[in-house]
């Protein structure tokens, strides 16, 4: 599939009007990032009847006839990977946000309702073509073959992954996948992806789906105490930030076991057996002994 930019959304609005532009953009979005759509996707999202939804899909095909074809077996309109060219220009960060939170034409217009800025944007712009291959695989439960620049391993060879879900760790967009070579589920950073090859005829096995990912399905309690190395002033600031009572030193949060590593990193949690008094931690982990038995905690307790 060629990595060619589409039109800016405002160009579609000028040409077809806001209503048609939004419907065209939605169809293009579903094709590109989920791999296909059915008529019910249009009827449910826009509240249209079946005939009107069919008309919208036909109108899209008239704009981009080489993007989509009807699959009579799956009974849905599927992307034509080799010839697809995006109708609407969209960056990977916006696309991932809408996959997580719902399609929003305002995001395509880049016009926030009130002044807005995002701190700490990575200088590396995610490759929207690579991202779309991963998200299509998630939607279709297919595998991908890719090269991944791991920060914890020198093995940068080809990997066979079964992507299952996306998540945002507070800084970066990530995805979870079953890694066939190691026979386990792992988390991957979109920014570390290199070449990605889709394998639309190779489907996930039962043990490779998100339902079989025990560490993703398990939500566990994390017992936290304000770190004893903190000054009274710093403790008061953290109580305010985390909505604790004025004299509260302990609290409990729940998190997916697979994501506790990121919680520890971003919240500055001390996971040692005893608190490190010469540190800049915010919290001390009080129930580390009950979490250590989980395999996904290996990086947490290094």
C-alpha atoms as a PDB file:
ATOM      1  CA  UNK A   1       0.000   0.000   0.000  1.00  0.00           C
ATOM      2  CA  UNK A   2       1.431   3.350  -0.976  1.00  0.00           C
ATOM      3  CA  UNK A   3       2.195   5.816   1.787  1.00  0.00           C
ATOM      4  CA  UNK A   4       0.445   8.790   0.189  1.00  0.00           C
ATOM      5  CA  UNK A   5      -1.233  11.607   2.048  1.00  0.00           C
ATOM      6  CA  UNK A   6      -4.916  12.287   1.624  1.00  0.00           C
ATOM      7  CA  UNK A   7      -6.734  15.583   1.451  1.00  0.00           C
ATOM      8  CA  UNK A   8      -7.023  17.922   4.387  1.00  0.00           C
ATOM      9  CA  UNK A   9     -10.459  17.585   5.959  1.00  0.00           C
ATOM     10  CA  UNK A  10     -11.337  21.235   5.335  1.00  0.00           C
ATOM     11  CA  UNK A  11     -10.832  20.591   1.618  1.00  0.00           C
ATOM     12  CA  UNK A  12     -13.520  17.902   1.713  1.00  0.00           C
ATOM     13  CA  UNK A  13     -15.806  20.271   3.588  1.00  0.00           C
ATOM     14  CA  UNK A  14     -15.362  22.957   0.945  1.00  0.00           C
ATOM     15  CA  UNK A  15     -16.044  20.456  -1.819  1.00  0.00           C
ATOM     16  CA  UNK A  16     -18.894  18.369  -0.360  1.00  0.00           C
ATOM     17  CA  UNK A  17     -20.196  20.204   2.708  1.00  0.00           C
ATOM     18  CA  UNK A  18     -19.630  19.335   6.360  1.00  0.00           C
ATOM     19  CA  UNK A  19     -22.160  16.478   6.529  1.00  0.00           C
ATOM     20  CA  UNK A  20     -20.854  14.562   3.514  1.00  0.00           C
ATOM     21  CA  UNK A  21     -17.237  15.307   4.459  1.00  0.00           C
ATOM     22  CA  UNK A  22     -17.716  13.818   7.909  1.00  0.00           C
ATOM     23  CA  UNK A  23     -19.290  10.657   6.499  1.00  0.00           C
ATOM     24  CA  UNK A  24     -16.577  10.254   3.879  1.00  0.00           C
ATOM     25  CA  UNK A  25     -13.897  10.767   6.534  1.00  0.00           C
ATOM     26  CA  UNK A  26     -15.505   8.202   8.843  1.00  0.00           C
ATOM     27  CA  UNK A  27     -15.655   5.563   6.118  1.00  0.00           C
ATOM     28  CA  UNK A  28     -12.047   6.266   5.168  1.00  0.00           C
ATOM     29  CA  UNK A  29     -10.999   6.091   8.835  1.00  0.00           C
ATOM     30  CA  UNK A  30     -12.642   2.688   9.387  1.00  0.00           C
ATOM     31  CA  UNK A  31     -11.150   1.274   6.215  1.00  0.00           C
ATOM     32  CA  UNK A  32      -7.667   2.480   6.964  1.00  0.00           C
ATOM     33  CA  UNK A  33      -7.424   1.632  10.658  1.00  0.00           C
ATOM     34  CA  UNK A  34      -9.770  -1.335  11.105  1.00  0.00           C
ATOM     35  CA  UNK A  35      -9.608  -2.847   7.626  1.00  0.00           C
ATOM     36  CA  UNK A  36     -13.255  -2.595   6.691  1.00  0.00           C
ATOM     37  CA  UNK A  37     -16.789  -1.589   7.523  1.00  0.00           C
ATOM     38  CA  UNK A  38     -20.355  -2.769   7.185  1.00  0.00           C
ATOM     39  CA  UNK A  39     -23.496  -0.812   6.475  1.00  0.00           C
ATOM     40  CA  UNK A  40     -24.456  -1.078  10.142  1.00  0.00           C
ATOM     41  CA  UNK A  41     -21.343   0.914  11.085  1.00  0.00           C
ATOM     42  CA  UNK A  42     -22.794   3.854   9.169  1.00  0.00           C
ATOM     43  CA  UNK A  43     -26.372   3.423  10.339  1.00  0.00           C
ATOM     44  CA  UNK A  44     -25.334   3.146  14.003  1.00  0.00           C
ATOM     45  CA  UNK A  45     -22.900   6.077  13.984  1.00  0.00           C
ATOM     46  CA  UNK A  46     -24.918   8.583  11.962  1.00  0.00           C
ATOM     47  CA  UNK A  47     -28.443   7.353  12.687  1.00  0.00           C
ATOM     48  CA  UNK A  48     -29.169   6.724   8.995  1.00  0.00           C
ATOM     49  CA  UNK A  49     -31.423   4.159   7.397  1.00  0.00           C
ATOM     50  CA  UNK A  50     -30.012   1.230   5.424  1.00  0.00           C
ATOM     51  CA  UNK A  51     -30.648   2.842   2.038  1.00  0.00           C
ATOM     52  CA  UNK A  52     -28.964   6.099   3.074  1.00  0.00           C
ATOM     53  CA  UNK A  53     -25.982   4.222   4.508  1.00  0.00           C
ATOM     54  CA  UNK A  54     -25.544   2.270   1.282  1.00  0.00           C
ATOM     55  CA  UNK A  55     -25.654   5.527  -0.627  1.00  0.00           C
ATOM     56  CA  UNK A  56     -22.867   6.991   1.528  1.00  0.00           C
ATOM     57  CA  UNK A  57     -20.652   3.954   0.960  1.00  0.00           C
ATOM     58  CA  UNK A  58     -21.292   4.123  -2.788  1.00  0.00           C
ATOM     59  CA  UNK A  59     -20.430   7.821  -2.743  1.00  0.00           C
ATOM     60  CA  UNK A  60     -17.130   7.011  -1.031  1.00  0.00           C
ATOM     61  CA  UNK A  61     -16.379   4.345  -3.643  1.00  0.00           C
ATOM     62  CA  UNK A  62     -16.977   6.922  -6.349  1.00  0.00           C
ATOM     63  CA  UNK A  63     -14.228   9.060  -4.796  1.00  0.00           C
ATOM     64  CA  UNK A  64     -11.782   6.191  -4.222  1.00  0.00           C
ATOM     65  CA  UNK A  65     -12.801   3.164  -6.256  1.00  0.00           C
ATOM     66  CA  UNK A  66      -9.501   1.364  -5.648  1.00  0.00           C
ATOM     67  CA  UNK A  67      -9.742   1.599  -1.870  1.00  0.00           C
ATOM     68  CA  UNK A  68     -12.512  -0.831  -1.081  1.00  0.00           C
ATOM     69  CA  UNK A  69     -14.286  -3.929  -2.308  1.00  0.00           C
ATOM     70  CA  UNK A  70     -17.243  -5.863  -0.930  1.00  0.00           C
ATOM     71  CA  UNK A  71     -16.334  -9.211   0.614  1.00  0.00           C
ATOM     72  CA  UNK A  72     -19.329 -11.506   0.133  1.00  0.00           C
ATOM     73  CA  UNK A  73     -17.946 -14.095   2.553  1.00  0.00           C
ATOM     74  CA  UNK A  74     -17.453 -11.622   5.426  1.00  0.00           C
ATOM     75  CA  UNK A  75     -20.396  -9.504   4.244  1.00  0.00           C
ATOM     76  CA  UNK A  76     -18.509  -6.279   4.712  1.00  0.00           C
ATOM     77  CA  UNK A  77     -16.575  -3.742   2.680  1.00  0.00           C
ATOM     78  CA  UNK A  78     -12.873  -4.507   3.007  1.00  0.00           C
ATOM     79  CA  UNK A  79      -9.783  -2.458   2.299  1.00  0.00           C
ATOM     80  CA  UNK A  80      -7.819  -3.116  -0.881  1.00  0.00           C
ATOM     81  CA  UNK A  81      -4.379  -3.053   0.708  1.00  0.00           C
ATOM     82  CA  UNK A  82      -2.327  -2.888  -2.482  1.00  0.00           C
ATOM     83  CA  UNK A  83      -4.147   0.058  -4.033  1.00  0.00           C
ATOM     84  CA  UNK A  84      -5.577   1.955  -1.047  1.00  0.00           C
ATOM     85  CA  UNK A  85      -4.792   5.674  -0.950  1.00  0.00           C
ATOM     86  CA  UNK A  86      -6.193   7.723   1.956  1.00  0.00           C
ATOM     87  CA  UNK A  87      -8.983  10.147   1.179  1.00  0.00           C
ATOM     88  CA  UNK A  88      -8.399  12.171   4.346  1.00  0.00           C
ATOM     89  CA  UNK A  89      -5.041  13.153   5.817  1.00  0.00           C
ATOM     90  CA  UNK A  90      -4.693  12.070   9.449  1.00  0.00           C
ATOM     91  CA  UNK A  91      -1.669  11.689  11.691  1.00  0.00           C
ATOM     92  CA  UNK A  92      -1.047   8.538  13.705  1.00  0.00           C
ATOM     93  CA  UNK A  93      -1.449  10.186  17.102  1.00  0.00           C
ATOM     94  CA  UNK A  94      -4.898  11.547  16.185  1.00  0.00           C
ATOM     95  CA  UNK A  95      -5.943   8.218  14.692  1.00  0.00           C
ATOM     96  CA  UNK A  96      -4.905   6.251  17.782  1.00  0.00           C
ATOM     97  CA  UNK A  97      -6.722   8.735  20.002  1.00  0.00           C
ATOM     98  CA  UNK A  98      -9.921   8.299  18.007  1.00  0.00           C
ATOM     99  CA  UNK A  99      -9.587   4.504  17.988  1.00  0.00           C
ATOM    100  CA  UNK A 100      -9.438   4.717  21.778  1.00  0.00           C
ATOM    101  CA  UNK A 101     -12.064   7.419  22.342  1.00  0.00           C
ATOM    102  CA  UNK A 102     -14.276   7.491  19.260  1.00  0.00           C
ATOM    103  CA  UNK A 103     -14.266   9.213  15.877  1.00  0.00           C
ATOM    104  CA  UNK A 104     -14.408  12.993  16.150  1.00  0.00           C
ATOM    105  CA  UNK A 105     -14.476  15.314  13.142  1.00  0.00           C
ATOM    106  CA  UNK A 106     -13.259  18.185  15.344  1.00  0.00           C
ATOM    107  CA  UNK A 107      -9.921  16.399  15.667  1.00  0.00           C
ATOM    108  CA  UNK A 108      -9.612  16.382  11.878  1.00  0.00           C
ATOM    109  CA  UNK A 109     -10.177  20.120  11.723  1.00  0.00           C
ATOM    110  CA  UNK A 110      -7.414  20.884  14.241  1.00  0.00           C
ATOM    111  CA  UNK A 111      -9.639  23.515  15.852  1.00  0.00           C
ATOM    112  CA  UNK A 112      -9.789  23.075  19.637  1.00  0.00           C
ATOM    113  CA  UNK A 113     -12.815  24.583  21.340  1.00  0.00           C
ATOM    114  CA  UNK A 114     -10.598  26.452  23.799  1.00  0.00           C
ATOM    115  CA  UNK A 115      -6.843  27.155  23.526  1.00  0.00           C
ATOM    116  CA  UNK A 116      -4.922  23.883  23.841  1.00  0.00           C
ATOM    117  CA  UNK A 117      -1.353  22.664  23.709  1.00  0.00           C
ATOM    118  CA  UNK A 118       0.297  19.342  24.470  1.00  0.00           C
ATOM    119  CA  UNK A 119       3.537  19.206  26.443  1.00  0.00           C
ATOM    120  CA  UNK A 120       6.382  16.929  25.495  1.00  0.00           C
ATOM    121  CA  UNK A 121       5.467  15.841  22.001  1.00  0.00           C
ATOM    122  CA  UNK A 122       8.036  13.308  20.849  1.00  0.00           C
ATOM    123  CA  UNK A 123      10.316  14.594  18.093  1.00  0.00           C
ATOM    124  CA  UNK A 124       9.710  11.273  16.333  1.00  0.00           C
ATOM    125  CA  UNK A 125       6.445  11.345  14.398  1.00  0.00           C
ATOM    126  CA  UNK A 126       4.740   7.961  14.321  1.00  0.00           C
ATOM    127  CA  UNK A 127       4.517   6.366  10.883  1.00  0.00           C
ATOM    128  CA  UNK A 128       0.781   6.266  10.216  1.00  0.00           C
ATOM    129  CA  UNK A 129       1.201   3.501   7.644  1.00  0.00           C
ATOM    130  CA  UNK A 130       2.898   1.186  10.159  1.00  0.00           C
ATOM    131  CA  UNK A 131       0.363   2.095  12.839  1.00  0.00           C
ATOM    132  CA  UNK A 132      -2.579   1.321  10.544  1.00  0.00           C
ATOM    133  CA  UNK A 133      -1.171  -2.135   9.792  1.00  0.00           C
ATOM    134  CA  UNK A 134      -1.074  -2.926  13.497  1.00  0.00           C
ATOM    135  CA  UNK A 135      -4.572  -1.593  14.208  1.00  0.00           C
ATOM    136  CA  UNK A 136      -6.018  -3.494  11.247  1.00  0.00           C
ATOM    137  CA  UNK A 137      -4.435  -6.658  12.607  1.00  0.00           C
ATOM    138  CA  UNK A 138      -6.034  -6.001  15.997  1.00  0.00           C
ATOM    139  CA  UNK A 139      -9.445  -5.530  14.409  1.00  0.00           C
ATOM    140  CA  UNK A 140      -9.158  -8.620  12.205  1.00  0.00           C
ATOM    141  CA  UNK A 141      -7.173 -10.799  14.662  1.00  0.00           C
ATOM    142  CA  UNK A 142      -4.410 -11.319  12.106  1.00  0.00           C
ATOM    143  CA  UNK A 143      -0.667 -11.564  12.580  1.00  0.00           C
ATOM    144  CA  UNK A 144       2.030  -9.161  11.440  1.00  0.00           C
ATOM    145  CA  UNK A 145       5.713  -9.699  10.723  1.00  0.00           C
ATOM    146  CA  UNK A 146       7.910  -6.795  11.730  1.00  0.00           C
ATOM    147  CA  UNK A 147      11.286  -5.578  12.889  1.00  0.00           C
ATOM    148  CA  UNK A 148      11.311  -3.927  16.309  1.00  0.00           C
ATOM    149  CA  UNK A 149      14.100  -1.868  17.884  1.00  0.00           C
ATOM    150  CA  UNK A 150      13.899  -3.166  21.437  1.00  0.00           C
ATOM    151  CA  UNK A 151      15.447  -1.133  24.218  1.00  0.00           C
ATOM    152  CA  UNK A 152      15.981  -4.195  26.424  1.00  0.00           C
ATOM    153  CA  UNK A 153      17.303  -6.662  23.847  1.00  0.00           C
ATOM    154  CA  UNK A 154      19.879  -6.698  21.066  1.00  0.00           C
ATOM    155  CA  UNK A 155      17.606  -8.908  18.974  1.00  0.00           C
ATOM    156  CA  UNK A 156      16.283  -6.650  16.228  1.00  0.00           C
ATOM    157  CA  UNK A 157      15.441  -9.462  13.812  1.00  0.00           C
ATOM    158  CA  UNK A 158      12.040 -10.247  12.373  1.00  0.00           C
ATOM    159  CA  UNK A 159       9.269 -10.908  14.846  1.00  0.00           C
ATOM    160  CA  UNK A 160       5.897 -12.524  14.385  1.00  0.00           C
ATOM    161  CA  UNK A 161       3.279 -10.718  16.450  1.00  0.00           C
ATOM    162  CA  UNK A 162      -0.432 -11.056  17.062  1.00  0.00           C
ATOM    163  CA  UNK A 163      -1.478  -7.525  18.127  1.00  0.00           C
ATOM    164  CA  UNK A 164      -4.390  -7.490  20.575  1.00  0.00           C
ATOM    165  CA  UNK A 165      -4.940  -3.955  21.939  1.00  0.00           C
ATOM    166  CA  UNK A 166      -3.570  -0.410  22.074  1.00  0.00           C
ATOM    167  CA  UNK A 167      -2.908   1.752  25.129  1.00  0.00           C
ATOM    168  CA  UNK A 168      -1.338   5.088  26.067  1.00  0.00           C
ATOM    169  CA  UNK A 169       1.187   4.981  28.903  1.00  0.00           C
ATOM    170  CA  UNK A 170       1.061   8.701  29.604  1.00  0.00           C
ATOM    171  CA  UNK A 171       3.857   9.519  27.166  1.00  0.00           C
ATOM    172  CA  UNK A 172       3.789   7.047  24.273  1.00  0.00           C
ATOM    173  CA  UNK A 173       1.267   5.039  22.298  1.00  0.00           C
ATOM    174  CA  UNK A 174       1.842   1.326  22.828  1.00  0.00           C
ATOM    175  CA  UNK A 175       0.310  -1.948  21.759  1.00  0.00           C
ATOM    176  CA  UNK A 176       0.055  -5.351  23.359  1.00  0.00           C
ATOM    177  CA  UNK A 177       0.735  -8.447  21.277  1.00  0.00           C
ATOM    178  CA  UNK A 178       1.437 -12.159  21.476  1.00  0.00           C
ATOM    179  CA  UNK A 179       5.045 -12.761  20.413  1.00  0.00           C
ATOM    180  CA  UNK A 180       5.158 -16.119  18.682  1.00  0.00           C
ATOM    181  CA  UNK A 181       8.930 -16.554  18.894  1.00  0.00           C
ATOM    182  CA  UNK A 182       8.964 -16.258  22.701  1.00  0.00           C
ATOM    183  CA  UNK A 183       5.460 -17.705  23.113  1.00  0.00           C
ATOM    184  CA  UNK A 184       4.272 -14.918  25.427  1.00  0.00           C
ATOM    185  CA  UNK A 185       2.378 -11.629  25.506  1.00  0.00           C
ATOM    186  CA  UNK A 186       4.460  -8.444  25.543  1.00  0.00           C
ATOM    187  CA  UNK A 187       4.050  -4.673  25.263  1.00  0.00           C
ATOM    188  CA  UNK A 188       5.497  -2.794  22.287  1.00  0.00           C
ATOM    189  CA  UNK A 189       6.069   0.889  21.562  1.00  0.00           C
ATOM    190  CA  UNK A 190       4.752   2.087  18.188  1.00  0.00           C
ATOM    191  CA  UNK A 191       7.768   4.398  17.826  1.00  0.00           C
ATOM    192  CA  UNK A 192      10.162   1.412  17.823  1.00  0.00           C
ATOM    193  CA  UNK A 193       8.464  -0.360  14.929  1.00  0.00           C
ATOM    194  CA  UNK A 194      10.269  -0.729  11.642  1.00  0.00           C
ATOM    195  CA  UNK A 195       9.073  -2.617   8.565  1.00  0.00           C
ATOM    196  CA  UNK A 196       5.640  -4.180   9.093  1.00  0.00           C
ATOM    197  CA  UNK A 197       4.132  -6.838   6.855  1.00  0.00           C
ATOM    198  CA  UNK A 198       0.474  -7.756   7.197  1.00  0.00           C
ATOM    199  CA  UNK A 199      -0.552 -11.404   6.981  1.00  0.00           C
ATOM    200  CA  UNK A 200      -4.325 -11.187   6.437  1.00  0.00           C
ATOM    201  CA  UNK A 201      -4.679 -14.939   5.871  1.00  0.00           C
ATOM    202  CA  UNK A 202      -2.916 -15.906   9.107  1.00  0.00           C
ATOM    203  CA  UNK A 203      -5.257 -15.607  12.088  1.00  0.00           C
ATOM    204  CA  UNK A 204      -4.645 -15.638  15.827  1.00  0.00           C
ATOM    205  CA  UNK A 205      -4.828 -18.972  17.579  1.00  0.00           C
ATOM    206  CA  UNK A 206      -7.055 -19.280  20.628  1.00  0.00           C
ATOM    207  CA  UNK A 207      -4.103 -18.909  23.016  1.00  0.00           C
ATOM    208  CA  UNK A 208      -2.977 -15.701  21.244  1.00  0.00           C
ATOM    209  CA  UNK A 209      -6.094 -13.575  21.743  1.00  0.00           C
ATOM    210  CA  UNK A 210      -6.603 -10.857  24.338  1.00  0.00           C
ATOM    211  CA  UNK A 211      -8.984 -13.159  26.217  1.00  0.00           C
ATOM    212  CA  UNK A 212      -6.037 -15.535  26.808  1.00  0.00           C
ATOM    213  CA  UNK A 213      -3.707 -12.809  28.042  1.00  0.00           C
ATOM    214  CA  UNK A 214      -3.841 -13.521  31.779  1.00  0.00           C
ATOM    215  CA  UNK A 215      -1.782 -10.473  32.774  1.00  0.00           C
ATOM    216  CA  UNK A 216      -4.023  -8.172  30.757  1.00  0.00           C
ATOM    217  CA  UNK A 217      -7.216  -9.693  32.110  1.00  0.00           C
ATOM    218  CA  UNK A 218      -5.991  -9.618  35.705  1.00  0.00           C
ATOM    219  CA  UNK A 219      -6.657  -6.386  37.581  1.00  0.00           C
ATOM    220  CA  UNK A 220      -4.707  -6.245  40.832  1.00  0.00           C
ATOM    221  CA  UNK A 221      -4.504  -3.893  43.801  1.00  0.00           C
ATOM    222  CA  UNK A 222      -1.461  -1.684  44.296  1.00  0.00           C
ATOM    223  CA  UNK A 223      -0.895  -0.500  47.884  1.00  0.00           C
ATOM    224  CA  UNK A 224       0.963   2.806  48.000  1.00  0.00           C
ATOM    225  CA  UNK A 225       2.386   4.870  50.841  1.00  0.00           C
ATOM    226  CA  UNK A 226       3.781   8.365  50.606  1.00  0.00           C
ATOM    227  CA  UNK A 227       7.516   7.819  50.514  1.00  0.00           C
ATOM    228  CA  UNK A 228       9.108   8.338  53.938  1.00  0.00           C
ATOM    229  CA  UNK A 229      11.959  10.329  52.388  1.00  0.00           C
ATOM    230  CA  UNK A 230       9.575  13.127  51.395  1.00  0.00           C
ATOM    231  CA  UNK A 231       9.442  16.431  53.239  1.00  0.00           C
ATOM    232  CA  UNK A 232       6.153  17.493  54.810  1.00  0.00           C
ATOM    233  CA  UNK A 233       5.803  20.146  52.117  1.00  0.00           C
ATOM    234  CA  UNK A 234       6.254  17.605  49.329  1.00  0.00           C
ATOM    235  CA  UNK A 235       3.802  15.207  50.972  1.00  0.00           C
ATOM    236  CA  UNK A 236       1.196  17.983  51.109  1.00  0.00           C
ATOM    237  CA  UNK A 237       1.714  18.678  47.404  1.00  0.00           C
ATOM    238  CA  UNK A 238       1.289  15.015  46.486  1.00  0.00           C
ATOM    239  CA  UNK A 239      -1.844  14.700  48.654  1.00  0.00           C
ATOM    240  CA  UNK A 240      -3.337  17.605  46.719  1.00  0.00           C
ATOM    241  CA  UNK A 241      -2.302  16.182  43.339  1.00  0.00           C
ATOM    242  CA  UNK A 242      -3.657  12.692  44.036  1.00  0.00           C
ATOM    243  CA  UNK A 243      -6.806  13.848  45.874  1.00  0.00           C
ATOM    244  CA  UNK A 244      -5.825  12.427  49.260  1.00  0.00           C
ATOM    245  CA  UNK A 245      -7.110  13.634  52.612  1.00  0.00           C
ATOM    246  CA  UNK A 246      -5.022  16.203  54.467  1.00  0.00           C
ATOM    247  CA  UNK A 247      -3.456  13.590  56.775  1.00  0.00           C
ATOM    248  CA  UNK A 248      -3.680  10.538  54.473  1.00  0.00           C
ATOM    249  CA  UNK A 249      -0.422   8.680  53.841  1.00  0.00           C
ATOM    250  CA  UNK A 250      -1.710   5.459  52.254  1.00  0.00           C
ATOM    251  CA  UNK A 251      -4.105   4.542  49.464  1.00  0.00           C
ATOM    252  CA  UNK A 252      -4.874   1.709  47.069  1.00  0.00           C
ATOM    253  CA  UNK A 253      -5.333   1.770  43.296  1.00  0.00           C
ATOM    254  CA  UNK A 254      -6.284  -1.010  40.910  1.00  0.00           C
ATOM    255  CA  UNK A 255      -4.453  -1.590  37.624  1.00  0.00           C
ATOM    256  CA  UNK A 256      -4.047  -4.261  34.986  1.00  0.00           C
ATOM    257  CA  UNK A 257      -1.124  -6.458  35.980  1.00  0.00           C
ATOM    258  CA  UNK A 258       0.442  -5.988  32.552  1.00  0.00           C
ATOM    259  CA  UNK A 259       0.510  -2.193  33.028  1.00  0.00           C
ATOM    260  CA  UNK A 260       1.871  -1.891  36.565  1.00  0.00           C
ATOM    261  CA  UNK A 261       5.384  -1.426  35.151  1.00  0.00           C
ATOM    262  CA  UNK A 262       4.266   1.851  33.543  1.00  0.00           C
ATOM    263  CA  UNK A 263       2.471   2.970  36.702  1.00  0.00           C
ATOM    264  CA  UNK A 264       5.676   2.405  38.704  1.00  0.00           C
ATOM    265  CA  UNK A 265       7.707   4.388  36.199  1.00  0.00           C
ATOM    266  CA  UNK A 266       5.424   7.399  35.826  1.00  0.00           C
ATOM    267  CA  UNK A 267       4.314   7.699  39.459  1.00  0.00           C
ATOM    268  CA  UNK A 268       7.877   7.266  40.769  1.00  0.00           C
ATOM    269  CA  UNK A 269       7.162   4.262  42.986  1.00  0.00           C
ATOM    270  CA  UNK A 270       9.917   2.689  45.079  1.00  0.00           C
ATOM    271  CA  UNK A 271       9.609  -1.113  44.697  1.00  0.00           C
ATOM    272  CA  UNK A 272      12.536  -2.111  46.935  1.00  0.00           C
ATOM    273  CA  UNK A 273      11.998  -4.318  49.989  1.00  0.00           C
ATOM    274  CA  UNK A 274      12.760  -1.338  52.227  1.00  0.00           C
ATOM    275  CA  UNK A 275      12.401   2.355  51.311  1.00  0.00           C
ATOM    276  CA  UNK A 276      15.398   4.051  49.743  1.00  0.00           C
ATOM    277  CA  UNK A 277      15.828   7.164  51.864  1.00  0.00           C
ATOM    278  CA  UNK A 278      18.260   8.763  49.400  1.00  0.00           C
ATOM    279  CA  UNK A 279      15.873   8.939  46.499  1.00  0.00           C
ATOM    280  CA  UNK A 280      13.350  11.098  44.682  1.00  0.00           C
ATOM    281  CA  UNK A 281      10.458   8.637  44.792  1.00  0.00           C
ATOM    282  CA  UNK A 282       6.899   9.790  45.442  1.00  0.00           C
ATOM    283  CA  UNK A 283       5.563   6.497  46.796  1.00  0.00           C
ATOM    284  CA  UNK A 284       6.633   3.235  48.365  1.00  0.00           C
ATOM    285  CA  UNK A 285       5.013  -0.017  47.192  1.00  0.00           C
ATOM    286  CA  UNK A 286       3.538  -1.719  50.221  1.00  0.00           C
ATOM    287  CA  UNK A 287       2.432  -5.046  48.734  1.00  0.00           C
ATOM    288  CA  UNK A 288       5.414  -5.915  46.569  1.00  0.00           C
ATOM    289  CA  UNK A 289       5.666  -9.435  48.016  1.00  0.00           C
ATOM    290  CA  UNK A 290       2.160 -10.290  46.764  1.00  0.00           C
ATOM    291  CA  UNK A 291       2.955  -9.044  43.250  1.00  0.00           C
ATOM    292  CA  UNK A 292       6.400 -10.567  42.717  1.00  0.00           C
ATOM    293  CA  UNK A 293       5.027 -13.976  41.757  1.00  0.00           C
ATOM    294  CA  UNK A 294       3.477 -12.555  38.562  1.00  0.00           C
ATOM    295  CA  UNK A 295       5.747 -13.105  35.544  1.00  0.00           C
ATOM    296  CA  UNK A 296       4.942  -9.665  34.127  1.00  0.00           C
ATOM    297  CA  UNK A 297       6.513  -8.112  37.242  1.00  0.00           C
ATOM    298  CA  UNK A 298      10.055  -9.152  36.310  1.00  0.00           C
ATOM    299  CA  UNK A 299      10.897  -5.666  35.023  1.00  0.00           C
ATOM    300  CA  UNK A 300       9.156  -3.992  37.962  1.00  0.00           C
ATOM    301  CA  UNK A 301      11.358  -5.654  40.573  1.00  0.00           C
ATOM    302  CA  UNK A 302      14.710  -5.669  38.778  1.00  0.00           C
END
